Amino acid sequence: MQSIDKNTKRRLTVTLAVTCAILQLAIAPNLPFFGGRANFMLILAALFAQLFGGRYGTVSGFLCGLFFDFCSTSPLGLMALFLTVCSYVLGREVRNKLADDTSISLTQFSIAALAVSSAYALALVLLGGAGFFEALLMRALPTAIITVICYVPFVMVLSRNRGGFTLSSRRTIPSRPNRLR
């Protein structure tokens, strides 16, 4: 007997969004790593793109970017642009990439984190921030590293079940055929 829970996607979305929002507001400013800070909104956007893909991932990337911009001193819409593009690229295939192969999703996220962090640092340089090499080596690289480190626990929890992650406490037990002795 299998039980189908239609609200799994909604519960997973709300749980991940609340968790990452709290971590972005409470932990990220207080967890420096050589001048970089973890970007939990990038983690959330990438998780949605890799779990659900397509339009859902792209819209969530935009919303995560807006949340990041509202909580920081950067220009409004800058991170929203980068996270929208990142989510579009990560979610091109509409399937659960975390259930398929965690090493591929971790590699894709690492490349995306470095690209988003570098583009964000370069955009801030163009807007009158610090120097070019200082922005890349002292801001973008540490931010990408700490973001990837913070991404790993999410991947481990969400990819534990090959069929996808559920928040339901109900488990389905496969029935065994009766064996005659």
N, C-alpha and C. Protein backbone atom coordinates (compact mmCIF):
# COMPACT_ATOMS: atom_id res chain seq x y z
N MET A 1 0.84 -1.17 0.00
CA MET A 1 0.00 0.00 0.00
C MET A 1 0.88 1.23 0.00
N GLN A 2 0.64 2.12 -0.91
CA GLN A 2 1.40 3.36 -0.97
C GLN A 2 0.49 4.52 -0.62
N SER A 3 1.01 5.43 0.15
CA SER A 3 0.24 6.64 0.45
C SER A 3 0.88 7.81 -0.29
N ILE A 4 0.05 8.58 -0.96
CA ILE A 4 0.52 9.71 -1.74
C ILE A 4 0.15 10.97 -0.98
N ASP A 5 1.15 11.79 -0.70
CA ASP A 5 0.94 13.03 0.01
C ASP A 5 1.11 14.18 -0.98
N LYS A 6 0.05 14.87 -1.29
CA LYS A 6 0.10 15.92 -2.30
C LYS A 6 0.69 17.21 -1.77
N ASN A 7 0.84 17.34 -0.48
CA ASN A 7 1.36 18.56 0.10
C ASN A 7 2.86 18.48 0.42
N THR A 8 3.53 17.45 -0.05
CA THR A 8 4.94 17.28 0.25
C THR A 8 5.78 18.41 -0.31
N LYS A 9 5.51 18.79 -1.54
CA LYS A 9 6.27 19.88 -2.17
C LYS A 9 6.07 21.19 -1.42
N ARG A 10 4.86 21.46 -1.00
CA ARG A 10 4.57 22.69 -0.26
C ARG A 10 5.27 22.69 1.10
N ARG A 11 5.21 21.59 1.82
CA ARG A 11 5.87 21.52 3.12
C ARG A 11 7.38 21.61 3.00
N LEU A 12 7.93 20.96 1.99
CA LEU A 12 9.36 21.02 1.77
C LEU A 12 9.79 22.44 1.42
N THR A 13 9.01 23.12 0.59
CA THR A 13 9.32 24.49 0.20
C THR A 13 9.30 25.42 1.40
N VAL A 14 8.27 25.33 2.20
CA VAL A 14 8.15 26.20 3.37
C VAL A 14 9.25 25.90 4.38
N THR A 15 9.52 24.63 4.62
CA THR A 15 10.56 24.26 5.58
C THR A 15 11.93 24.76 5.15
N LEU A 16 12.28 24.55 3.90
CA LEU A 16 13.58 25.01 3.40
C LEU A 16 13.66 26.53 3.39
N ALA A 17 12.58 27.21 2.99
CA ALA A 17 12.59 28.67 2.93
C ALA A 17 12.75 29.28 4.32
N VAL A 18 12.03 28.78 5.29
CA VAL A 18 12.13 29.32 6.64
C VAL A 18 13.51 29.03 7.23
N THR A 19 14.00 27.82 7.02
CA THR A 19 15.32 27.46 7.54
C THR A 19 16.41 28.34 6.95
N CYS A 20 16.41 28.50 5.65
CA CYS A 20 17.46 29.30 5.00
C CYS A 20 17.32 30.78 5.31
N ALA A 21 16.09 31.27 5.47
CA ALA A 21 15.90 32.68 5.82
C ALA A 21 16.43 32.96 7.22
N ILE A 22 16.16 32.07 8.15
CA ILE A 22 16.68 32.24 9.51
C ILE A 22 18.20 32.17 9.51
N LEU A 23 18.75 31.21 8.77
CA LEU A 23 20.21 31.09 8.70
C LEU A 23 20.84 32.32 8.04
N GLN A 24 20.18 32.87 7.01
CA GLN A 24 20.71 34.05 6.33
C GLN A 24 20.71 35.27 7.26
N LEU A 25 19.67 35.40 8.06
CA LEU A 25 19.57 36.56 8.94
C LEU A 25 20.38 36.42 10.22
N ALA A 26 20.45 35.21 10.77
CA ALA A 26 21.07 35.03 12.08
C ALA A 26 22.50 34.50 12.02
N ILE A 27 22.78 33.59 11.13
CA ILE A 27 24.08 32.92 11.11
C ILE A 27 25.06 33.56 10.13
N ALA A 28 24.62 33.88 8.93
CA ALA A 28 25.53 34.36 7.89
C ALA A 28 26.30 35.63 8.30
N PRO A 29 25.69 36.62 8.93
CA PRO A 29 26.49 37.79 9.32
C PRO A 29 27.50 37.49 10.42
N ASN A 30 27.25 36.46 11.19
CA ASN A 30 28.12 36.13 12.32
C ASN A 30 29.08 34.99 12.05
N LEU A 31 29.16 34.53 10.80
CA LEU A 31 30.02 33.42 10.43
C LEU A 31 30.99 33.86 9.33
N PRO A 32 31.97 34.71 9.69
CA PRO A 32 32.91 35.16 8.65
C PRO A 32 33.93 34.07 8.32
N PHE A 33 34.35 34.08 7.07
CA PHE A 33 35.36 33.14 6.62
C PHE A 33 36.32 33.90 5.72
N PHE A 34 37.38 34.43 6.27
CA PHE A 34 38.38 35.21 5.54
C PHE A 34 37.76 36.34 4.72
N GLY A 35 36.82 37.04 5.29
CA GLY A 35 36.19 38.16 4.60
C GLY A 35 34.95 37.80 3.81
N GLY A 36 34.62 36.53 3.71
CA GLY A 36 33.43 36.11 2.99
C GLY A 36 32.36 35.65 3.96
N ARG A 37 31.15 35.68 3.51
CA ARG A 37 30.01 35.24 4.32
C ARG A 37 29.20 34.22 3.53
N ALA A 38 28.60 33.29 4.22
CA ALA A 38 27.78 32.27 3.56
C ALA A 38 26.54 32.92 2.96
N ASN A 39 26.15 32.44 1.80
CA ASN A 39 24.96 32.95 1.12
C ASN A 39 23.90 31.85 1.11
N PHE A 40 23.05 31.86 2.13
CA PHE A 40 22.03 30.82 2.25
C PHE A 40 20.90 30.99 1.24
N MET A 41 20.75 32.19 0.70
CA MET A 41 19.75 32.39 -0.34
C MET A 41 20.20 31.73 -1.65
N LEU A 42 21.49 31.72 -1.90
CA LEU A 42 22.03 30.98 -3.05
C LEU A 42 21.80 29.49 -2.86
N ILE A 43 22.00 29.02 -1.65
CA ILE A 43 21.76 27.60 -1.34
C ILE A 43 20.30 27.26 -1.56
N LEU A 44 19.39 28.11 -1.08
CA LEU A 44 17.97 27.84 -1.23
C LEU A 44 17.55 27.85 -2.70
N ALA A 45 18.02 28.83 -3.45
CA ALA A 45 17.67 28.91 -4.87
C ALA A 45 18.20 27.69 -5.63
N ALA A 46 19.41 27.27 -5.31
CA ALA A 46 19.99 26.11 -5.99
C ALA A 46 19.26 24.82 -5.60
N LEU A 47 18.87 24.70 -4.35
CA LEU A 47 18.13 23.51 -3.93
C LEU A 47 16.79 23.41 -4.65
N PHE A 48 16.07 24.53 -4.75
CA PHE A 48 14.80 24.52 -5.46
C PHE A 48 15.00 24.20 -6.93
N ALA A 49 16.04 24.75 -7.52
CA ALA A 49 16.30 24.48 -8.94
C ALA A 49 16.67 23.03 -9.16
N GLN A 50 17.46 22.45 -8.24
CA GLN A 50 17.87 21.06 -8.42
C GLN A 50 16.78 20.08 -8.02
N LEU A 51 15.93 20.45 -7.09
CA LEU A 51 14.85 19.56 -6.68
C LEU A 51 13.67 19.60 -7.65
N PHE A 52 13.24 20.81 -8.02
CA PHE A 52 12.02 20.96 -8.80
C PHE A 52 12.27 21.43 -10.22
N GLY A 53 13.38 22.13 -10.45
CA GLY A 53 13.76 22.58 -11.79
C GLY A 53 12.80 23.56 -12.41
N GLY A 54 13.09 23.92 -13.65
CA GLY A 54 12.19 24.70 -14.48
C GLY A 54 11.77 26.04 -13.93
N ARG A 55 10.52 26.37 -14.17
CA ARG A 55 9.96 27.66 -13.80
C ARG A 55 9.96 27.86 -12.29
N TYR A 56 9.67 26.82 -11.53
CA TYR A 56 9.63 26.92 -10.07
C TYR A 56 10.99 27.34 -9.52
N GLY A 57 12.05 26.74 -10.04
CA GLY A 57 13.39 27.09 -9.59
C GLY A 57 13.78 28.51 -9.97
N THR A 58 13.40 28.94 -11.16
CA THR A 58 13.75 30.28 -11.61
C THR A 58 13.02 31.36 -10.81
N VAL A 59 11.75 31.17 -10.56
CA VAL A 59 10.99 32.12 -9.76
C VAL A 59 11.51 32.16 -8.33
N SER A 60 11.83 31.01 -7.78
CA SER A 60 12.37 30.99 -6.42
C SER A 60 13.75 31.64 -6.36
N GLY A 61 14.53 31.52 -7.42
CA GLY A 61 15.82 32.20 -7.47
C GLY A 61 15.66 33.71 -7.43
N PHE A 62 14.68 34.21 -8.17
CA PHE A 62 14.41 35.65 -8.15
C PHE A 62 13.97 36.12 -6.77
N LEU A 63 13.06 35.37 -6.13
CA LEU A 63 12.57 35.75 -4.81
C LEU A 63 13.67 35.66 -3.75
N CYS A 64 14.51 34.64 -3.85
CA CYS A 64 15.64 34.52 -2.92
C CYS A 64 16.62 35.68 -3.10
N GLY A 65 16.85 36.08 -4.35
CA GLY A 65 17.72 37.21 -4.60
C GLY A 65 17.16 38.51 -4.06
N LEU A 66 15.86 38.71 -4.18
CA LEU A 66 15.23 39.90 -3.60
C LEU A 66 15.35 39.90 -2.08
N PHE A 67 15.15 38.74 -1.46
CA PHE A 67 15.29 38.65 -0.01
C PHE A 67 16.72 39.00 0.40
N PHE A 68 17.71 38.49 -0.33
CA PHE A 68 19.11 38.80 -0.04
C PHE A 68 19.37 40.30 -0.18
N ASP A 69 18.83 40.91 -1.25
CA ASP A 69 19.05 42.33 -1.48
C ASP A 69 18.38 43.19 -0.42
N PHE A 70 17.20 42.79 0.05
CA PHE A 70 16.54 43.54 1.10
C PHE A 70 17.29 43.47 2.42
N CYS A 71 18.01 42.37 2.65
CA CYS A 71 18.72 42.16 3.91
C CYS A 71 20.17 42.65 3.87
N SER A 72 20.61 43.17 2.74
CA SER A 72 22.00 43.63 2.64
C SER A 72 22.02 45.08 2.18
N THR A 73 23.20 45.62 2.07
CA THR A 73 23.35 47.01 1.66
C THR A 73 23.65 47.15 0.17
N SER A 74 23.50 46.09 -0.56
CA SER A 74 23.78 46.12 -2.00
C SER A 74 22.61 46.73 -2.75
N PRO A 75 22.82 47.09 -4.01
CA PRO A 75 21.71 47.63 -4.81
C PRO A 75 20.60 46.60 -4.97
N LEU A 76 19.38 47.09 -4.93
CA LEU A 76 18.22 46.21 -5.02
C LEU A 76 18.13 45.60 -6.42
N GLY A 77 18.08 44.30 -6.49
CA GLY A 77 17.94 43.59 -7.75
C GLY A 77 19.22 42.97 -8.27
N LEU A 78 20.35 43.29 -7.68
CA LEU A 78 21.62 42.76 -8.17
C LEU A 78 21.73 41.26 -7.92
N MET A 79 21.54 40.85 -6.68
CA MET A 79 21.60 39.41 -6.38
C MET A 79 20.39 38.70 -6.98
N ALA A 80 19.26 39.39 -7.11
CA ALA A 80 18.10 38.77 -7.73
C ALA A 80 18.40 38.38 -9.18
N LEU A 81 19.12 39.23 -9.88
CA LEU A 81 19.51 38.92 -11.25
C LEU A 81 20.42 37.69 -11.29
N PHE A 82 21.43 37.68 -10.44
CA PHE A 82 22.38 36.57 -10.47
C PHE A 82 21.75 35.25 -10.04
N LEU A 83 20.89 35.27 -9.03
CA LEU A 83 20.25 34.04 -8.58
C LEU A 83 19.20 33.54 -9.58
N THR A 84 18.56 34.46 -10.30
CA THR A 84 17.61 34.04 -11.33
C THR A 84 18.33 33.31 -12.46
N VAL A 85 19.45 33.86 -12.90
CA VAL A 85 20.23 33.22 -13.97
C VAL A 85 20.80 31.89 -13.47
N CYS A 86 21.31 31.88 -12.25
CA CYS A 86 21.87 30.65 -11.67
C CYS A 86 20.81 29.56 -11.56
N SER A 87 19.62 29.91 -11.09
CA SER A 87 18.55 28.93 -10.95
C SER A 87 18.07 28.43 -12.29
N TYR A 88 18.06 29.30 -13.28
CA TYR A 88 17.66 28.88 -14.62
C TYR A 88 18.64 27.84 -15.17
N VAL A 89 19.93 28.11 -14.98
CA VAL A 89 20.95 27.18 -15.50
C VAL A 89 20.91 25.86 -14.72
N LEU A 90 20.79 25.92 -13.41
CA LEU A 90 20.77 24.69 -12.62
C LEU A 90 19.49 23.89 -12.81
N GLY A 91 18.38 24.54 -13.13
CA GLY A 91 17.11 23.84 -13.22
C GLY A 91 16.63 23.61 -14.62
N ARG A 92 17.53 23.58 -15.59
CA ARG A 92 17.11 23.39 -16.98
C ARG A 92 16.39 22.07 -17.18
N GLU A 93 16.87 21.02 -16.56
CA GLU A 93 16.19 19.73 -16.66
C GLU A 93 15.20 19.64 -15.50
N VAL A 94 13.97 19.40 -15.81
CA VAL A 94 12.95 19.37 -14.77
C VAL A 94 12.91 17.97 -14.18
N ARG A 95 13.79 17.75 -13.22
CA ARG A 95 13.84 16.47 -12.52
C ARG A 95 14.58 16.67 -11.22
N ASN A 96 14.52 15.72 -10.35
CA ASN A 96 15.17 15.80 -9.06
C ASN A 96 16.62 15.36 -9.22
N LYS A 97 17.52 16.32 -9.35
CA LYS A 97 18.93 16.01 -9.54
C LYS A 97 19.57 15.49 -8.26
N LEU A 98 19.05 15.89 -7.11
CA LEU A 98 19.63 15.44 -5.85
C LEU A 98 19.41 13.95 -5.63
N ALA A 99 18.31 13.43 -6.13
CA ALA A 99 18.05 12.00 -5.97
C ALA A 99 18.87 11.17 -6.95
N ASP A 100 19.28 11.77 -8.06
CA ASP A 100 20.04 11.02 -9.06
C ASP A 100 21.48 10.80 -8.62
N ASP A 101 22.22 11.88 -8.46
CA ASP A 101 23.63 11.76 -8.11
C ASP A 101 24.06 12.99 -7.34
N THR A 102 24.42 12.81 -6.08
CA THR A 102 24.77 13.96 -5.25
C THR A 102 26.10 14.58 -5.65
N SER A 103 27.01 13.79 -6.19
CA SER A 103 28.31 14.36 -6.55
C SER A 103 28.18 15.32 -7.74
N ILE A 104 27.30 15.00 -8.67
CA ILE A 104 27.09 15.91 -9.80
C ILE A 104 26.41 17.18 -9.34
N SER A 105 25.41 17.07 -8.48
CA SER A 105 24.74 18.27 -7.99
C SER A 105 25.67 19.12 -7.13
N LEU A 106 26.56 18.50 -6.37
CA LEU A 106 27.53 19.25 -5.58
C LEU A 106 28.54 19.96 -6.48
N THR A 107 28.97 19.31 -7.54
CA THR A 107 29.89 19.93 -8.49
C THR A 107 29.23 21.10 -9.20
N GLN A 108 27.99 20.91 -9.64
CA GLN A 108 27.27 21.99 -10.31
C GLN A 108 27.07 23.17 -9.37
N PHE A 109 26.75 22.88 -8.11
CA PHE A 109 26.56 23.98 -7.16
C PHE A 109 27.87 24.70 -6.88
N SER A 110 28.96 23.97 -6.78
CA SER A 110 30.25 24.60 -6.53
C SER A 110 30.62 25.57 -7.64
N ILE A 111 30.40 25.17 -8.87
CA ILE A 111 30.68 26.05 -10.01
C ILE A 111 29.74 27.25 -9.98
N ALA A 112 28.47 27.01 -9.68
CA ALA A 112 27.50 28.10 -9.63
C ALA A 112 27.81 29.07 -8.50
N ALA A 113 28.22 28.55 -7.34
CA ALA A 113 28.55 29.42 -6.21
C ALA A 113 29.75 30.30 -6.52
N LEU A 114 30.76 29.74 -7.16
CA LEU A 114 31.92 30.54 -7.54
C LEU A 114 31.55 31.58 -8.58
N ALA A 115 30.72 31.21 -9.54
CA ALA A 115 30.31 32.16 -10.59
C ALA A 115 29.46 33.29 -10.02
N VAL A 116 28.49 32.97 -9.17
CA VAL A 116 27.62 34.00 -8.59
C VAL A 116 28.42 34.91 -7.66
N SER A 117 29.27 34.33 -6.83
CA SER A 117 30.07 35.14 -5.91
C SER A 117 31.03 36.06 -6.67
N SER A 118 31.65 35.54 -7.71
CA SER A 118 32.57 36.36 -8.51
C SER A 118 31.83 37.47 -9.26
N ALA A 119 30.71 37.15 -9.86
CA ALA A 119 29.94 38.16 -10.58
C ALA A 119 29.42 39.24 -9.64
N TYR A 120 29.00 38.83 -8.46
CA TYR A 120 28.50 39.79 -7.47
C TYR A 120 29.63 40.71 -6.99
N ALA A 121 30.79 40.14 -6.73
CA ALA A 121 31.94 40.95 -6.30
C ALA A 121 32.39 41.91 -7.40
N LEU A 122 32.40 41.43 -8.64
CA LEU A 122 32.79 42.30 -9.76
C LEU A 122 31.77 43.41 -9.98
N ALA A 123 30.50 43.12 -9.81
CA ALA A 123 29.47 44.15 -9.95
C ALA A 123 29.63 45.22 -8.87
N LEU A 124 29.98 44.79 -7.67
CA LEU A 124 30.20 45.77 -6.60
C LEU A 124 31.45 46.60 -6.86
N VAL A 125 32.47 46.01 -7.50
CA VAL A 125 33.66 46.77 -7.88
C VAL A 125 33.29 47.84 -8.91
N LEU A 126 32.47 47.46 -9.87
CA LEU A 126 32.04 48.42 -10.89
C LEU A 126 31.17 49.54 -10.32
N LEU A 127 30.49 49.26 -9.22
CA LEU A 127 29.66 50.26 -8.57
C LEU A 127 30.43 51.12 -7.58
N GLY A 128 31.75 50.90 -7.51
CA GLY A 128 32.57 51.76 -6.66
C GLY A 128 33.03 51.12 -5.37
N GLY A 129 33.14 49.83 -5.35
CA GLY A 129 33.60 49.14 -4.15
C GLY A 129 35.10 49.06 -4.08
N ALA A 130 35.62 47.99 -3.57
CA ALA A 130 37.05 47.77 -3.38
C ALA A 130 37.73 47.47 -4.71
N GLY A 131 39.00 47.12 -4.64
CA GLY A 131 39.77 46.80 -5.83
C GLY A 131 39.38 45.47 -6.44
N PHE A 132 39.85 45.27 -7.66
CA PHE A 132 39.49 44.08 -8.44
C PHE A 132 39.96 42.80 -7.78
N PHE A 133 41.26 42.71 -7.49
CA PHE A 133 41.80 41.47 -6.91
C PHE A 133 41.35 41.28 -5.47
N GLU A 134 41.18 42.37 -4.77
CA GLU A 134 40.68 42.27 -3.40
C GLU A 134 39.26 41.70 -3.38
N ALA A 135 38.45 42.14 -4.33
CA ALA A 135 37.07 41.65 -4.38
C ALA A 135 37.01 40.17 -4.74
N LEU A 136 37.88 39.75 -5.67
CA LEU A 136 37.85 38.34 -6.07
C LEU A 136 38.50 37.43 -5.04
N LEU A 137 39.67 37.80 -4.54
CA LEU A 137 40.41 36.91 -3.64
C LEU A 137 39.97 37.01 -2.19
N MET A 138 39.56 38.20 -1.76
CA MET A 138 39.21 38.38 -0.35
C MET A 138 37.70 38.33 -0.09
N ARG A 139 36.90 38.38 -1.15
CA ARG A 139 35.46 38.36 -0.94
C ARG A 139 34.79 37.20 -1.66
N ALA A 140 35.01 37.08 -2.96
CA ALA A 140 34.28 36.09 -3.76
C ALA A 140 34.72 34.65 -3.46
N LEU A 141 36.01 34.40 -3.43
CA LEU A 141 36.50 33.04 -3.20
C LEU A 141 36.12 32.51 -1.82
N PRO A 142 36.34 33.28 -0.72
CA PRO A 142 35.90 32.77 0.59
C PRO A 142 34.38 32.60 0.69
N THR A 143 33.63 33.50 0.04
CA THR A 143 32.17 33.36 0.06
C THR A 143 31.74 32.08 -0.64
N ALA A 144 32.34 31.78 -1.77
CA ALA A 144 32.00 30.54 -2.49
C ALA A 144 32.37 29.31 -1.67
N ILE A 145 33.52 29.33 -1.03
CA ILE A 145 33.96 28.17 -0.24
C ILE A 145 33.03 27.93 0.94
N ILE A 146 32.71 28.96 1.71
CA ILE A 146 31.86 28.77 2.89
C ILE A 146 30.43 28.43 2.48
N THR A 147 29.98 28.93 1.33
CA THR A 147 28.64 28.60 0.85
C THR A 147 28.56 27.13 0.44
N VAL A 148 29.59 26.63 -0.20
CA VAL A 148 29.61 25.21 -0.58
C VAL A 148 29.66 24.33 0.67
N ILE A 149 30.43 24.74 1.66
CA ILE A 149 30.51 23.97 2.91
C ILE A 149 29.14 23.94 3.59
N CYS A 150 28.42 25.05 3.58
CA CYS A 150 27.09 25.10 4.19
C CYS A 150 26.04 24.37 3.36
N TYR A 151 26.31 24.16 2.08
CA TYR A 151 25.38 23.46 1.18
C TYR A 151 25.40 21.94 1.41
N VAL A 152 26.53 21.42 1.83
CA VAL A 152 26.70 19.97 1.96
C VAL A 152 25.68 19.32 2.92
N PRO A 153 25.41 19.88 4.11
CA PRO A 153 24.41 19.22 4.97
C PRO A 153 23.02 19.17 4.35
N PHE A 154 22.64 20.21 3.60
CA PHE A 154 21.34 20.20 2.94
C PHE A 154 21.26 19.07 1.92
N VAL A 155 22.33 18.88 1.16
CA VAL A 155 22.35 17.83 0.15
C VAL A 155 22.30 16.46 0.81
N MET A 156 23.02 16.30 1.89
CA MET A 156 23.03 14.99 2.56
C MET A 156 21.64 14.63 3.11
N VAL A 157 20.93 15.59 3.65
CA VAL A 157 19.60 15.31 4.18
C VAL A 157 18.60 15.09 3.05
N LEU A 158 18.65 15.92 2.02
CA LEU A 158 17.65 15.83 0.96
C LEU A 158 17.88 14.68 -0.01
N SER A 159 19.09 14.17 -0.09
CA SER A 159 19.35 13.08 -1.03
C SER A 159 19.42 11.73 -0.33
N ARG A 160 19.11 11.67 0.92
CA ARG A 160 19.17 10.41 1.65
C ARG A 160 18.21 9.37 1.09
N ASN A 161 17.05 9.81 0.70
CA ASN A 161 16.05 8.92 0.12
C ASN A 161 16.14 9.04 -1.40
N ARG A 162 16.41 7.99 -2.11
CA ARG A 162 16.57 8.03 -3.56
C ARG A 162 15.29 8.41 -4.29
N GLY A 163 14.16 8.15 -3.69
CA GLY A 163 12.91 8.49 -4.35
C GLY A 163 12.49 9.93 -4.14
N GLY A 164 13.28 10.69 -3.41
CA GLY A 164 12.93 12.07 -3.11
C GLY A 164 12.70 12.22 -1.63
N PHE A 165 12.73 13.43 -1.17
CA PHE A 165 12.60 13.71 0.25
C PHE A 165 11.15 13.96 0.60
N THR A 166 10.71 13.38 1.67
CA THR A 166 9.36 13.64 2.15
C THR A 166 9.42 14.04 3.60
N LEU A 167 8.51 14.89 4.01
CA LEU A 167 8.42 15.31 5.40
C LEU A 167 7.37 14.52 6.15
N SER A 168 6.82 13.55 5.52
CA SER A 168 5.77 12.76 6.12
C SER A 168 6.37 11.71 7.05
N SER A 169 5.70 11.45 8.15
CA SER A 169 6.19 10.43 9.07
C SER A 169 5.71 9.05 8.66
N ARG A 170 4.81 9.00 7.69
CA ARG A 170 4.30 7.71 7.23
C ARG A 170 5.32 7.07 6.30
N ARG A 171 5.56 5.83 6.52
CA ARG A 171 6.47 5.08 5.66
C ARG A 171 5.70 3.95 5.00
N THR A 172 6.05 3.70 3.78
CA THR A 172 5.41 2.58 3.11
C THR A 172 6.33 1.37 3.22
N ILE A 173 5.76 0.29 3.58
CA ILE A 173 6.53 -0.94 3.74
C ILE A 173 6.14 -1.87 2.60
N PRO A 174 7.12 -2.24 1.80
CA PRO A 174 6.78 -3.14 0.70
C PRO A 174 6.32 -4.49 1.24
N SER A 175 5.32 -5.00 0.63
CA SER A 175 4.80 -6.30 1.09
C SER A 175 5.63 -7.41 0.48
N ARG A 176 5.83 -8.43 1.28
CA ARG A 176 6.58 -9.63 0.84
C ARG A 176 5.60 -10.71 0.47
N PRO A 177 5.92 -11.41 -0.55
CA PRO A 177 5.04 -12.55 -0.87
C PRO A 177 5.18 -13.64 0.19
N ASN A 178 4.10 -14.32 0.43
CA ASN A 178 4.13 -15.41 1.41
C ASN A 178 4.95 -16.56 0.84
N ARG A 179 5.83 -17.03 1.66
CA ARG A 179 6.68 -18.15 1.21
C ARG A 179 6.20 -19.43 1.90
N LEU A 180 6.13 -20.45 1.13
CA LEU A 180 5.78 -21.75 1.69
C LEU A 180 7.04 -22.47 2.10
N ARG A 181 6.98 -23.12 3.23
CA ARG A 181 8.17 -23.80 3.71
C ARG A 181 8.16 -25.23 3.33
